[in-house]
PDB file of N, CA and C in Angstrom:
ATOM      1  N   MET A   1     200.573  57.988 -77.014  1.00  0.00           N
ATOM      2  CA  MET A   1     199.802  57.556 -76.161  1.00  0.00           C
ATOM      3  C   MET A   1     199.527  58.023 -74.607  1.00  0.00           C
ATOM      4  N   GLN A   2     198.329  58.293 -74.045  1.00  0.00           N
ATOM      5  CA  GLN A   2     198.160  58.830 -72.691  1.00  0.00           C
ATOM      6  C   GLN A   2     198.829  57.787 -71.532  1.00  0.00           C
ATOM      7  N   PRO A   3     199.596  58.436 -70.339  1.00  0.00           N
ATOM      8  CA  PRO A   3     200.177  57.410 -69.454  1.00  0.00           C
ATOM      9  C   PRO A   3     198.798  56.654 -68.695  1.00  0.00           C
ATOM     10  N   VAL A   4     198.811  55.454 -68.119  1.00  0.00           N
ATOM     11  CA  VAL A   4     197.797  54.807 -67.651  1.00  0.00           C
ATOM     12  C   VAL A   4     198.405  54.575 -66.180  1.00  0.00           C
ATOM     13  N   THR A   5     197.462  54.135 -65.102  1.00  0.00           N
ATOM     14  CA  THR A   5     197.615  53.922 -64.038  1.00  0.00           C
ATOM     15  C   THR A   5     197.576  52.313 -63.733  1.00  0.00           C
ATOM     16  N   VAL A   6     198.307  51.873 -63.204  1.00  0.00           N
ATOM     17  CA  VAL A   6     198.544  50.556 -62.904  1.00  0.00           C
ATOM     18  C   VAL A   6     198.418  50.496 -61.119  1.00  0.00           C
ATOM     19  N   LEU A   7     197.329  49.379 -60.737  1.00  0.00           N
ATOM     20  CA  LEU A   7     197.408  49.782 -59.303  1.00  0.00           C
ATOM     21  C   LEU A   7     198.355  48.327 -58.788  1.00  0.00           C
ATOM     22  N   VAL A   8     199.051  48.227 -57.935  1.00  0.00           N
ATOM     23  CA  VAL A   8     199.795  47.015 -57.458  1.00  0.00           C
ATOM     24  C   VAL A   8     199.601  46.960 -56.053  1.00  0.00           C
ATOM     25  N   ILE A   9     199.177  45.741 -55.320  1.00  0.00           N
ATOM     26  CA  ILE A   9     198.580  45.423 -54.075  1.00  0.00           C
ATOM     27  C   ILE A   9     199.386  44.297 -53.797  1.00  0.00           C
ATOM     28  N   GLU A  10     200.638  44.763 -53.079  1.00  0.00           N
ATOM     29  CA  GLU A  10     201.553  43.416 -52.961  1.00  0.00           C
ATOM     30  C   GLU A  10     202.746  44.218 -51.921  1.00  0.00           C
ATOM     31  N   GLU A  11     203.093  43.665 -51.414  1.00  0.00           N
ATOM     32  CA  GLU A  11     204.299  44.049 -50.162  1.00  0.00           C
ATOM     33  C   GLU A  11     205.561  43.210 -50.261  1.00  0.00           C
ATOM     34  N   GLY A  12     206.528  44.068 -49.875  1.00  0.00           N
ATOM     35  CA  GLY A  12     207.836  43.691 -49.767  1.00  0.00           C
ATOM     36  C   GLY A  12     208.340  43.306 -50.774  1.00  0.00           C
ATOM     37  N   PRO A  13     209.712  41.924 -51.206  1.00  0.00           N
ATOM     38  CA  PRO A  13     210.153  41.947 -52.546  1.00  0.00           C
ATOM     39  C   PRO A  13     209.379  41.835 -53.835  1.00  0.00           C
ATOM     40  N   GLU A  14     208.218  41.092 -53.442  1.00  0.00           N
ATOM     41  CA  GLU A  14     207.109  41.126 -54.867  1.00  0.00           C
ATOM     42  C   GLU A  14     206.847  42.316 -55.121  1.00  0.00           C
ATOM     43  N   ALA A  15     206.196  42.930 -54.323  1.00  0.00           N
ATOM     44  CA  ALA A  15     205.896  44.348 -54.685  1.00  0.00           C
ATOM     45  C   ALA A  15     207.180  45.027 -55.442  1.00  0.00           C
ATOM     46  N   ALA A  16     208.302  44.923 -54.894  1.00  0.00           N
ATOM     47  CA  ALA A  16     209.691  45.678 -55.462  1.00  0.00           C
ATOM     48  C   ALA A  16     209.587  45.342 -56.845  1.00  0.00           C
ATOM     49  N   LEU A  17     209.727  43.714 -57.209  1.00  0.00           N
ATOM     50  CA  LEU A  17     209.341  43.126 -58.495  1.00  0.00           C
ATOM     51  C   LEU A  17     208.713  43.295 -59.534  1.00  0.00           C
ATOM     52  N   MET A  18     207.264  43.761 -59.158  1.00  0.00           N
ATOM     53  CA  MET A  18     206.541  44.202 -59.749  1.00  0.00           C
ATOM     54  C   MET A  18     206.570  45.826 -60.560  1.00  0.00           C
ATOM     55  N   CYS A  19     207.183  46.292 -59.547  1.00  0.00           N
ATOM     56  CA  CYS A  19     207.085  47.680 -59.903  1.00  0.00           C
ATOM     57  C   CYS A  19     208.321  48.453 -60.802  1.00  0.00           C
ATOM     58  N   VAL A  20     209.533  46.893 -60.565  1.00  0.00           N
ATOM     59  CA  VAL A  20     210.399  47.504 -61.350  1.00  0.00           C
ATOM     60  C   VAL A  20     209.855  46.987 -63.088  1.00  0.00           C
ATOM     61  N   ALA A  21     209.323  45.748 -63.183  1.00  0.00           N
ATOM     62  CA  ALA A  21     208.670  45.577 -64.047  1.00  0.00           C
ATOM     63  C   ALA A  21     207.585  46.502 -64.888  1.00  0.00           C
ATOM     64  N   LEU A  22     206.936  47.552 -64.255  1.00  0.00           N
ATOM     65  CA  LEU A  22     206.190  47.786 -64.860  1.00  0.00           C
ATOM     66  C   LEU A  22     207.335  49.245 -65.056  1.00  0.00           C
ATOM     67  N   ALA A  23     208.455  49.503 -64.554  1.00  0.00           N
ATOM     68  CA  ALA A  23     208.787  50.710 -64.916  1.00  0.00           C
ATOM     69  C   ALA A  23     209.423  50.785 -66.186  1.00  0.00           C
ATOM     70  N   LYS A  24     209.571  49.696 -66.937  1.00  0.00           N
ATOM     71  CA  LYS A  24     210.098  49.334 -68.284  1.00  0.00           C
ATOM     72  C   LYS A  24     209.107  50.089 -69.499  1.00  0.00           C
ATOM     73  N   LYS A  25     208.020  50.316 -68.492  1.00  0.00           N
ATOM     74  CA  LYS A  25     206.781  50.798 -69.678  1.00  0.00           C
ATOM     75  C   LYS A  25     206.723  52.584 -69.207  1.00  0.00           C
ATOM     76  N   PRO A  26     207.232  53.386 -69.962  1.00  0.00           N
ATOM     77  CA  PRO A  26     207.150  54.746 -69.607  1.00  0.00           C
ATOM     78  C   PRO A  26     205.736  55.232 -69.785  1.00  0.00           C
ATOM     79  N   GLU A  27     204.944  54.680 -70.370  1.00  0.00           N
ATOM     80  CA  GLU A  27     203.672  54.905 -70.565  1.00  0.00           C
ATOM     81  C   GLU A  27     202.594  54.492 -69.284  1.00  0.00           C
ATOM     82  N   VAL A  28     203.385  53.960 -67.822  1.00  0.00           N
ATOM     83  CA  VAL A  28     202.516  53.171 -67.001  1.00  0.00           C
ATOM     84  C   VAL A  28     202.931  54.062 -65.900  1.00  0.00           C
ATOM     85  N   ARG A  29     201.980  54.590 -65.284  1.00  0.00           N
ATOM     86  CA  ARG A  29     202.081  55.160 -63.690  1.00  0.00           C
ATOM     87  C   ARG A  29     201.921  54.239 -62.613  1.00  0.00           C
ATOM     88  N   VAL A  30     202.685  54.239 -61.734  1.00  0.00           N
ATOM     89  CA  VAL A  30     201.959  53.062 -60.654  1.00  0.00           C
ATOM     90  C   VAL A  30     201.700  53.709 -59.511  1.00  0.00           C
ATOM     91  N   VAL A  31     200.520  53.226 -58.789  1.00  0.00           N
ATOM     92  CA  VAL A  31     200.475  53.504 -57.722  1.00  0.00           C
ATOM     93  C   VAL A  31     200.459  51.825 -56.604  1.00  0.00           C
ATOM     94  N   ASP A  32     201.107  51.904 -55.871  1.00  0.00           N
ATOM     95  CA  ASP A  32     201.386  50.488 -55.020  1.00  0.00           C
ATOM     96  C   ASP A  32     200.905  50.696 -53.644  1.00  0.00           C
ATOM     97  N   ALA A  33     200.511  49.740 -53.029  1.00  0.00           N
ATOM     98  CA  ALA A  33     200.152  49.619 -51.529  1.00  0.00           C
ATOM     99  C   ALA A  33     200.222  48.411 -50.972  1.00  0.00           C
ATOM    100  N   PRO A  34     200.415  47.965 -49.835  1.00  0.00           N
ATOM    101  CA  PRO A  34     200.704  46.520 -49.287  1.00  0.00           C
ATOM    102  C   PRO A  34     199.304  45.977 -49.125  1.00  0.00           C
ATOM    103  N   ASP A  35     198.157  46.897 -49.413  1.00  0.00           N
ATOM    104  CA  ASP A  35     196.863  46.027 -49.036  1.00  0.00           C
ATOM    105  C   ASP A  35     195.669  46.804 -49.638  1.00  0.00           C
ATOM    106  N   VAL A  36     194.589  46.189 -49.632  1.00  0.00           N
ATOM    107  CA  VAL A  36     193.475  46.929 -50.557  1.00  0.00           C
ATOM    108  C   VAL A  36     192.844  48.207 -49.792  1.00  0.00           C
ATOM    109  N   GLY A  37     193.186  48.488 -48.274  1.00  0.00           N
ATOM    110  CA  GLY A  37     192.801  49.472 -47.491  1.00  0.00           C
ATOM    111  C   GLY A  37     193.530  50.409 -47.783  1.00  0.00           C
ATOM    112  N   ARG A  38     194.958  50.346 -47.748  1.00  0.00           N
ATOM    113  CA  ARG A  38     196.005  51.532 -48.385  1.00  0.00           C
ATOM    114  C   ARG A  38     195.624  51.700 -49.887  1.00  0.00           C
ATOM    115  N   ALA A  39     195.497  50.777 -50.270  1.00  0.00           N
ATOM    116  CA  ALA A  39     195.286  50.955 -51.839  1.00  0.00           C
ATOM    117  C   ALA A  39     194.083  52.232 -52.111  1.00  0.00           C
ATOM    118  N   LEU A  40     192.900  51.870 -51.310  1.00  0.00           N
ATOM    119  CA  LEU A  40     192.200  52.601 -51.544  1.00  0.00           C
ATOM    120  C   LEU A  40     192.316  54.257 -51.089  1.00  0.00           C
ATOM    121  N   LYS A  41     193.110  54.098 -49.821  1.00  0.00           N
ATOM    122  CA  LYS A  41     193.275  55.660 -49.868  1.00  0.00           C
ATOM    123  C   LYS A  41     194.427  56.221 -50.459  1.00  0.00           C
ATOM    124  N   ARG A  42     195.109  55.895 -51.255  1.00  0.00           N
ATOM    125  CA  ARG A  42     196.047  56.170 -52.259  1.00  0.00           C
ATOM    126  C   ARG A  42     195.145  56.451 -53.572  1.00  0.00           C
ATOM    127  N   LEU A  43     194.047  55.632 -53.681  1.00  0.00           N
ATOM    128  CA  LEU A  43     193.382  56.036 -54.739  1.00  0.00           C
ATOM    129  C   LEU A  43     192.763  57.208 -54.801  1.00  0.00           C
ATOM    130  N   LYS A  44     192.011  57.630 -53.533  1.00  0.00           N
ATOM    131  CA  LYS A  44     191.464  58.796 -53.160  1.00  0.00           C
ATOM    132  C   LYS A  44     192.077  60.011 -53.997  1.00  0.00           C
ATOM    133  N   SER A  45     193.318  60.265 -53.786  1.00  0.00           N
ATOM    134  CA  SER A  45     193.975  61.327 -54.357  1.00  0.00           C
ATOM    135  C   SER A  45     194.217  61.224 -55.722  1.00  0.00           C
ATOM    136  N   LYS A  46     194.298  60.497 -56.437  1.00  0.00           N
ATOM    137  CA  LYS A  46     194.487  60.198 -57.944  1.00  0.00           C
ATOM    138  C   LYS A  46     193.095  60.240 -58.644  1.00  0.00           C
ATOM    139  N   THR A  47     193.280  61.159 -59.933  1.00  0.00           N
ATOM    140  CA  THR A  47     192.465  61.757 -60.602  1.00  0.00           C
ATOM    141  C   THR A  47     192.410  60.639 -61.611  1.00  0.00           C
ATOM    142  N   GLU A  48     193.304  59.919 -62.013  1.00  0.00           N
ATOM    143  CA  GLU A  48     193.297  59.015 -63.676  1.00  0.00           C
ATOM    144  C   GLU A  48     192.472  57.888 -63.079  1.00  0.00           C
ATOM    145  N   GLN A  49     191.903  57.044 -63.976  1.00  0.00           N
ATOM    146  CA  GLN A  49     191.534  55.726 -64.309  1.00  0.00           C
ATOM    147  C   GLN A  49     192.680  54.938 -64.068  1.00  0.00           C
ATOM    148  N   VAL A  50     192.777  54.002 -63.032  1.00  0.00           N
ATOM    149  CA  VAL A  50     193.127  52.686 -62.935  1.00  0.00           C
ATOM    150  C   VAL A  50     192.886  51.819 -64.316  1.00  0.00           C
ATOM    151  N   ALA A  51     194.036  51.031 -64.872  1.00  0.00           N
ATOM    152  CA  ALA A  51     193.551  50.487 -66.107  1.00  0.00           C
ATOM    153  C   ALA A  51     193.415  48.854 -65.475  1.00  0.00           C
ATOM    154  N   VAL A  52     194.403  48.537 -64.454  1.00  0.00           N
ATOM    155  CA  VAL A  52     194.034  47.357 -64.076  1.00  0.00           C
ATOM    156  C   VAL A  52     194.905  47.212 -62.512  1.00  0.00           C
ATOM    157  N   ALA A  53     194.585  46.482 -61.716  1.00  0.00           N
ATOM    158  CA  ALA A  53     195.043  45.920 -60.397  1.00  0.00           C
ATOM    159  C   ALA A  53     196.112  44.814 -60.172  1.00  0.00           C
ATOM    160  N   ILE A  54     197.000  44.912 -60.405  1.00  0.00           N
ATOM    161  CA  ILE A  54     198.007  43.740 -59.933  1.00  0.00           C
ATOM    162  C   ILE A  54     197.939  43.307 -58.518  1.00  0.00           C
ATOM    163  N   VAL A  55     197.506  42.179 -58.194  1.00  0.00           N
ATOM    164  CA  VAL A  55     197.490  41.792 -56.834  1.00  0.00           C
ATOM    165  C   VAL A  55     198.538  40.282 -56.613  1.00  0.00           C
ATOM    166  N   GLY A  56     199.341  40.526 -55.779  1.00  0.00           N
ATOM    167  CA  GLY A  56     200.254  39.170 -55.256  1.00  0.00           C
ATOM    168  C   GLY A  56     199.376  38.207 -54.343  1.00  0.00           C
ATOM    169  N   THR A  57     200.645  37.092 -53.782  1.00  0.00           N
ATOM    170  CA  THR A  57     199.699  36.044 -52.971  1.00  0.00           C
ATOM    171  C   THR A  57     198.907  36.687 -51.867  1.00  0.00           C
ATOM    172  N   SER A  58     199.209  37.867 -51.053  1.00  0.00           N
ATOM    173  CA  SER A  58     198.645  38.127 -49.961  1.00  0.00           C
ATOM    174  C   SER A  58     197.526  38.696 -50.191  1.00  0.00           C
ATOM    175  N   GLY A  59     197.053  39.276 -51.033  1.00  0.00           N
ATOM    176  CA  GLY A  59     195.997  39.916 -51.715  1.00  0.00           C
ATOM    177  C   GLY A  59     194.919  39.214 -52.053  1.00  0.00           C
ATOM    178  N   LEU A  60     195.411  38.303 -52.699  1.00  0.00           N
ATOM    179  CA  LEU A  60     194.159  37.549 -53.286  1.00  0.00           C
ATOM    180  C   LEU A  60     193.574  36.228 -52.001  1.00  0.00           C
ATOM    181  N   GLY A  61     193.960  36.375 -51.065  1.00  0.00           N
ATOM    182  CA  GLY A  61     193.702  35.776 -49.634  1.00  0.00           C
ATOM    183  C   GLY A  61     192.313  36.555 -49.145  1.00  0.00           C
ATOM    184  N   LYS A  62     192.104  37.723 -49.557  1.00  0.00           N
ATOM    185  CA  LYS A  62     191.297  38.471 -49.408  1.00  0.00           C
ATOM    186  C   LYS A  62     190.249  39.140 -50.679  1.00  0.00           C
ATOM    187  N   SER A  63     190.287  38.106 -51.403  1.00  0.00           N
ATOM    188  CA  SER A  63     189.793  38.515 -53.136  1.00  0.00           C
ATOM    189  C   SER A  63     188.299  38.912 -52.878  1.00  0.00           C
ATOM    190  N   ALA A  64     187.559  38.417 -52.088  1.00  0.00           N
ATOM    191  CA  ALA A  64     186.186  38.877 -52.017  1.00  0.00           C
ATOM    192  C   ALA A  64     185.952  40.523 -51.773  1.00  0.00           C
ATOM    193  N   GLU A  65     186.985  40.975 -50.838  1.00  0.00           N
ATOM    194  CA  GLU A  65     186.908  42.054 -50.556  1.00  0.00           C
ATOM    195  C   GLU A  65     187.675  43.214 -51.364  1.00  0.00           C
ATOM    196  N   LEU A  66     188.618  42.764 -52.130  1.00  0.00           N
ATOM    197  CA  LEU A  66     189.283  43.345 -53.900  1.00  0.00           C
ATOM    198  C   LEU A  66     188.229  43.495 -54.585  1.00  0.00           C
ATOM    199  N   VAL A  67     187.539  42.480 -54.956  1.00  0.00           N
ATOM    200  CA  VAL A  67     186.461  42.653 -56.007  1.00  0.00           C
ATOM    201  C   VAL A  67     185.393  43.630 -55.671  1.00  0.00           C
ATOM    202  N   LYS A  68     184.798  43.575 -54.562  1.00  0.00           N
ATOM    203  CA  LYS A  68     183.885  44.575 -54.260  1.00  0.00           C
ATOM    204  C   LYS A  68     184.241  45.738 -54.028  1.00  0.00           C
ATOM    205  N   LYS A  69     185.657  45.952 -53.950  1.00  0.00           N
ATOM    206  CA  LYS A  69     186.211  47.558 -53.579  1.00  0.00           C
ATOM    207  C   LYS A  69     186.510  47.955 -55.065  1.00  0.00           C
ATOM    208  N   LEU A  70     187.215  47.021 -55.876  1.00  0.00           N
ATOM    209  CA  LEU A  70     187.711  47.638 -56.745  1.00  0.00           C
ATOM    210  C   LEU A  70     187.209  47.159 -57.997  1.00  0.00           C
ATOM    211  N   GLU A  71     186.038  46.498 -57.925  1.00  0.00           N
ATOM    212  CA  GLU A  71     185.730  46.311 -59.499  1.00  0.00           C
ATOM    213  C   GLU A  71     184.255  47.090 -59.234  1.00  0.00           C
ATOM    214  N   ALA A  72     183.934  47.719 -58.299  1.00  0.00           N
ATOM    215  CA  ALA A  72     182.887  48.821 -58.290  1.00  0.00           C
ATOM    216  C   ALA A  72     183.366  50.099 -58.719  1.00  0.00           C
ATOM    217  N   ARG A  73     184.627  50.137 -58.871  1.00  0.00           N
ATOM    218  CA  ARG A  73     185.124  51.426 -59.467  1.00  0.00           C
ATOM    219  C   ARG A  73     185.557  51.188 -60.488  1.00  0.00           C
ATOM    220  N   GLY A  74     185.862  49.543 -61.534  1.00  0.00           N
ATOM    221  CA  GLY A  74     185.537  49.693 -62.627  1.00  0.00           C
ATOM    222  C   GLY A  74     187.205  49.200 -62.745  1.00  0.00           C
ATOM    223  N   ILE A  75     187.653  48.668 -61.958  1.00  0.00           N
ATOM    224  CA  ILE A  75     189.259  48.501 -61.858  1.00  0.00           C
ATOM    225  C   ILE A  75     189.271  46.664 -62.109  1.00  0.00           C
ATOM    226  N   PRO A  76     189.784  45.985 -62.841  1.00  0.00           N
ATOM    227  CA  PRO A  76     189.794  44.326 -63.327  1.00  0.00           C
ATOM    228  C   PRO A  76     190.883  44.463 -62.616  1.00  0.00           C
ATOM    229  N   ILE A  77     190.826  43.088 -61.687  1.00  0.00           N
ATOM    230  CA  ILE A  77     191.809  42.515 -60.748  1.00  0.00           C
ATOM    231  C   ILE A  77     192.402  41.185 -61.468  1.00  0.00           C
ATOM    232  N   VAL A  78     193.839  41.125 -61.807  1.00  0.00           N
ATOM    233  CA  VAL A  78     194.351  40.026 -62.020  1.00  0.00           C
ATOM    234  C   VAL A  78     195.776  39.665 -60.616  1.00  0.00           C
ATOM    235  N   GLY A  79     195.949  38.327 -60.650  1.00  0.00           N
ATOM    236  CA  GLY A  79     196.929  38.078 -59.819  1.00  0.00           C
ATOM    237  C   GLY A  79     198.112  37.652 -60.463  1.00  0.00           C
ATOM    238  N   VAL A  80     199.046  37.833 -59.854  1.00  0.00           N
ATOM    239  CA  VAL A  80     200.697  37.291 -60.144  1.00  0.00           C
ATOM    240  C   VAL A  80     201.086  36.711 -58.847  1.00  0.00           C
ATOM    241  N   VAL A  81     201.049  35.287 -58.586  1.00  0.00           N
ATOM    242  CA  VAL A  81     201.079  34.644 -57.767  1.00  0.00           C
ATOM    243  C   VAL A  81     202.505  33.560 -57.355  1.00  0.00           C
ATOM    244  N   HIS A  82     202.808  33.206 -56.372  1.00  0.00           N
ATOM    245  CA  HIS A  82     204.197  32.189 -56.204  1.00  0.00           C
ATOM    246  C   HIS A  82     203.191  31.149 -55.278  1.00  0.00           C
ATOM    247  N   ASP A  83     202.799  29.806 -55.691  1.00  0.00           N
ATOM    248  CA  ASP A  83     202.568  28.868 -54.722  1.00  0.00           C
ATOM    249  C   ASP A  83     201.224  29.299 -53.865  1.00  0.00           C
ATOM    250  N   LEU A  84     200.500  29.356 -55.003  1.00  0.00           N
ATOM    251  CA  LEU A  84     198.963  29.658 -54.429  1.00  0.00           C
ATOM    252  C   LEU A  84     198.239  28.615 -53.996  1.00  0.00           C
ATOM    253  N   ALA A  85     197.694  28.384 -53.236  1.00  0.00           N
ATOM    254  CA  ALA A  85     196.787  27.215 -52.760  1.00  0.00           C
ATOM    255  C   ALA A  85     195.641  26.686 -53.893  1.00  0.00           C
ATOM    256  N   PRO A  86     195.482  25.737 -54.136  1.00  0.00           N
ATOM    257  CA  PRO A  86     194.298  25.775 -55.192  1.00  0.00           C
ATOM    258  C   PRO A  86     192.925  26.190 -54.433  1.00  0.00           C
ATOM    259  N   ALA A  87     192.752  26.350 -53.642  1.00  0.00           N
ATOM    260  CA  ALA A  87     191.848  26.290 -52.681  1.00  0.00           C
ATOM    261  C   ALA A  87     191.096  28.043 -52.937  1.00  0.00           C
ATOM    262  N   VAL A  88     192.454  28.725 -52.566  1.00  0.00           N
ATOM    263  CA  VAL A  88     192.419  30.288 -52.459  1.00  0.00           C
ATOM    264  C   VAL A  88     192.175  30.562 -53.849  1.00  0.00           C
ATOM    265  N   LYS A  89     192.749  30.096 -54.634  1.00  0.00           N
ATOM    266  CA  LYS A  89     192.921  30.045 -56.083  1.00  0.00           C
ATOM    267  C   LYS A  89     191.241  30.052 -56.702  1.00  0.00           C
ATOM    268  N   ARG A  90     190.695  29.280 -56.547  1.00  0.00           N
ATOM    269  CA  ARG A  90     189.216  28.622 -56.859  1.00  0.00           C
ATOM    270  C   ARG A  90     188.596  30.051 -56.364  1.00  0.00           C
ATOM    271  N   ARG A  91     188.495  30.387 -55.016  1.00  0.00           N
ATOM    272  CA  ARG A  91     187.993  31.732 -54.273  1.00  0.00           C
ATOM    273  C   ARG A  91     188.098  32.448 -54.698  1.00  0.00           C
ATOM    274  N   ALA A  92     189.487  32.893 -55.407  1.00  0.00           N
ATOM    275  CA  ALA A  92     189.398  34.130 -55.986  1.00  0.00           C
ATOM    276  C   ALA A  92     188.970  34.281 -57.152  1.00  0.00           C
ATOM    277  N   LEU A  93     189.163  33.333 -58.161  1.00  0.00           N
ATOM    278  CA  LEU A  93     188.365  33.439 -59.461  1.00  0.00           C
ATOM    279  C   LEU A  93     186.956  33.419 -59.390  1.00  0.00           C
ATOM    280  N   ALA A  94     186.211  32.658 -58.220  1.00  0.00           N
ATOM    281  CA  ALA A  94     184.785  32.539 -58.092  1.00  0.00           C
ATOM    282  C   ALA A  94     184.200  34.243 -57.677  1.00  0.00           C
ATOM    283  N   ALA A  95     185.203  34.620 -56.902  1.00  0.00           N
ATOM    284  CA  ALA A  95     184.578  36.184 -56.415  1.00  0.00           C
ATOM    285  C   ALA A  95     184.892  36.874 -57.743  1.00  0.00           C
ATOM    286  N   GLY A  96     185.543  36.808 -58.679  1.00  0.00           N
ATOM    287  CA  GLY A  96     185.578  37.853 -59.651  1.00  0.00           C
ATOM    288  C   GLY A  96     186.933  38.061 -60.011  1.00  0.00           C
ATOM    289  N   VAL A  97     188.010  37.485 -59.698  1.00  0.00           N
ATOM    290  CA  VAL A  97     189.460  38.068 -60.202  1.00  0.00           C
ATOM    291  C   VAL A  97     189.488  37.481 -61.430  1.00  0.00           C
ATOM    292  N   ARG A  98     189.672  38.116 -62.480  1.00  0.00           N
ATOM    293  CA  ARG A  98     189.977  37.974 -63.561  1.00  0.00           C
ATOM    294  C   ARG A  98     190.838  36.906 -64.054  1.00  0.00           C
ATOM    295  N   GLU A  99     192.034  36.948 -63.945  1.00  0.00           N
ATOM    296  CA  GLU A  99     193.118  35.890 -63.925  1.00  0.00           C
ATOM    297  C   GLU A  99     194.073  35.877 -63.227  1.00  0.00           C
ATOM    298  N   ILE A 100     194.871  34.655 -63.047  1.00  0.00           N
ATOM    299  CA  ILE A 100     195.948  34.303 -61.936  1.00  0.00           C
ATOM    300  C   ILE A 100     196.868  33.621 -62.790  1.00  0.00           C
ATOM    301  N   HIS A 101     198.018  34.158 -62.287  1.00  0.00           N
ATOM    302  CA  HIS A 101     198.846  33.620 -63.091  1.00  0.00           C
ATOM    303  C   HIS A 101     200.417  33.221 -62.409  1.00  0.00           C
ATOM    304  N   GLU A 102     200.933  31.901 -62.367  1.00  0.00           N
ATOM    305  CA  GLU A 102     202.005  31.697 -61.576  1.00  0.00           C
ATOM    306  C   GLU A 102     203.283  32.709 -61.899  1.00  0.00           C
ATOM    307  N   ARG A 103     203.969  33.349 -61.007  1.00  0.00           N
ATOM    308  CA  ARG A 103     204.764  34.210 -61.203  1.00  0.00           C
ATOM    309  C   ARG A 103     206.178  33.238 -61.648  1.00  0.00           C
ATOM    310  N   PRO A 104     206.567  33.729 -62.600  1.00  0.00           N
ATOM    311  CA  PRO A 104     207.710  32.773 -63.371  1.00  0.00           C
ATOM    312  C   PRO A 104     208.850  33.481 -62.390  1.00  0.00           C
ATOM    313  N   THR A 105     209.902  32.370 -62.669  1.00  0.00           N
ATOM    314  CA  THR A 105     211.008  32.603 -61.432  1.00  0.00           C
ATOM    315  C   THR A 105     212.276  32.997 -62.290  1.00  0.00           C
ATOM    316  N   ARG A 106     212.342  33.327 -63.318  1.00  0.00           N
ATOM    317  CA  ARG A 106     213.091  34.306 -64.032  1.00  0.00           C
ATOM    318  C   ARG A 106     212.963  35.635 -64.265  1.00  0.00           C
ATOM    319  N   TRP A 107     213.589  36.672 -64.789  1.00  0.00           N
ATOM    320  CA  TRP A 107     213.474  38.002 -65.008  1.00  0.00           C
ATOM    321  C   TRP A 107     212.657  38.105 -66.274  1.00  0.00           C
ATOM    322  N   VAL A 108     213.242  37.887 -67.214  1.00  0.00           N
ATOM    323  CA  VAL A 108     212.902  37.748 -68.597  1.00  0.00           C
ATOM    324  C   VAL A 108     211.400  37.512 -68.671  1.00  0.00           C
ATOM    325  N   PRO A 109     210.932  35.991 -68.723  1.00  0.00           N
ATOM    326  CA  PRO A 109     209.846  35.789 -68.384  1.00  0.00           C
ATOM    327  C   PRO A 109     208.750  36.344 -67.708  1.00  0.00           C
ATOM    328  N   TYR A 110     209.313  36.774 -66.398  1.00  0.00           N
ATOM    329  CA  TYR A 110     208.371  37.407 -65.581  1.00  0.00           C
ATOM    330  C   TYR A 110     207.893  39.186 -66.037  1.00  0.00           C
ATOM    331  N   SER A 111     209.097  39.951 -66.572  1.00  0.00           N
ATOM    332  CA  SER A 111     208.864  40.894 -67.237  1.00  0.00           C
ATOM    333  C   SER A 111     207.593  40.966 -68.326  1.00  0.00           C
ATOM    334  N   LYS A 112     207.885  39.797 -69.309  1.00  0.00           N
ATOM    335  CA  LYS A 112     207.137  39.602 -70.063  1.00  0.00           C
ATOM    336  C   LYS A 112     205.897  39.548 -69.788  1.00  0.00           C
ATOM    337  N   LEU A 113     205.515  38.771 -68.900  1.00  0.00           N
ATOM    338  CA  LEU A 113     204.130  38.410 -68.082  1.00  0.00           C
ATOM    339  C   LEU A 113     203.185  39.953 -67.812  1.00  0.00           C
ATOM    340  N   ILE A 114     204.443  40.359 -66.973  1.00  0.00           N
ATOM    341  CA  ILE A 114     203.768  42.186 -66.519  1.00  0.00           C
ATOM    342  C   ILE A 114     203.496  42.761 -67.816  1.00  0.00           C
ATOM    343  N   ASP A 115     204.082  42.607 -68.448  1.00  0.00           N
ATOM    344  CA  ASP A 115     204.106  43.843 -69.946  1.00  0.00           C
ATOM    345  C   ASP A 115     202.550  43.173 -70.695  1.00  0.00           C
ATOM    346  N   SER A 116     202.611  41.695 -70.803  1.00  0.00           N
ATOM    347  CA  SER A 116     201.342  41.481 -71.460  1.00  0.00           C
ATOM    348  C   SER A 116     200.034  41.819 -70.657  1.00  0.00           C
ATOM    349  N   LEU A 117     200.087  41.485 -69.379  1.00  0.00           N
ATOM    350  CA  LEU A 117     198.654  41.828 -68.698  1.00  0.00           C
ATOM    351  C   LEU A 117     198.467  42.992 -68.701  1.00  0.00           C
ATOM    352  N   VAL A 118     199.397  44.198 -68.828  1.00  0.00           N
ATOM    353  CA  VAL A 118     199.278  45.516 -68.417  1.00  0.00           C
ATOM    354  C   VAL A 118     198.640  46.008 -70.246  1.00  0.00           C
ATOM    355  N   SER A 119     199.354  45.263 -71.167  1.00  0.00           N
ATOM    356  CA  SER A 119     199.245  45.708 -72.660  1.00  0.00           C
ATOM    357  C   SER A 119     197.314  45.168 -72.727  1.00  0.00           C
ATOM    358  N   ARG A 120     197.237  44.010 -72.287  1.00  0.00           N
ATOM    359  CA  ARG A 120     195.725  43.949 -72.195  1.00  0.00           C
ATOM    360  C   ARG A 120     194.788  44.244 -71.954  1.00  0.00           C
ATOM    361  N   PHE A 121     195.135  45.339 -70.723  1.00  0.00           N
ATOM    362  CA  PHE A 121     194.213  45.814 -69.878  1.00  0.00           C
ATOM    363  C   PHE A 121     193.863  47.418 -70.120  1.00  0.00           C
ATOM    364  N   ILE A 122     194.985  47.995 -71.007  1.00  0.00           N
ATOM    365  CA  ILE A 122     195.132  49.232 -71.709  1.00  0.00           C
ATOM    366  C   ILE A 122     194.298  49.557 -72.874  1.00  0.00           C
ATOM    367  N   THR A 123     193.153  50.296 -72.324  1.00  0.00           N
ATOM    368  CA  THR A 123     192.249  50.962 -73.606  1.00  0.00           C
ATOM    369  C   THR A 123     192.762  52.187 -74.312  1.00  0.00           C
ATOM    370  N   PRO A 124     193.428  51.843 -75.494  1.00  0.00           N
ATOM    371  CA  PRO A 124     193.413  53.288 -76.503  1.00  0.00           C
ATOM    372  C   PRO A 124     192.956  54.525 -76.319  1.00  0.00           C
ATOM    373  N   ASN A 125     193.513  55.315 -76.069  1.00  0.00           N
ATOM    374  CA  ASN A 125     192.755  56.809 -76.200  1.00  0.00           C
ATOM    375  C   ASN A 125     192.957  57.278 -77.664  1.00  0.00           C
TER     376      ASN A 125
END
């Protein structure tokens, strides 16, 4: 299988947690950035197609901007969040975010969630 790229838009410990979960999949390359602006800058230097963007709570607050800039590049967006306000969740889904999942508090369920998200968005070559 060809390596796939996953874009992680989050910062701090949440970003680290996502990247560690993704590191368990040797076929995944990670591009990470704390916000959509820096993510787009990082993507300019990448030639491979991004399979999916996994976004945390802070990024989903700007979901209209995310969808506009990432969906235009064919990058689907999913959220993995903790205690996202219902109004923010509704706005994000209305803007075009594909899915939003509550972040499990334990490692094994969290790791399985990240694995299942990536697996569903990977297109076999």
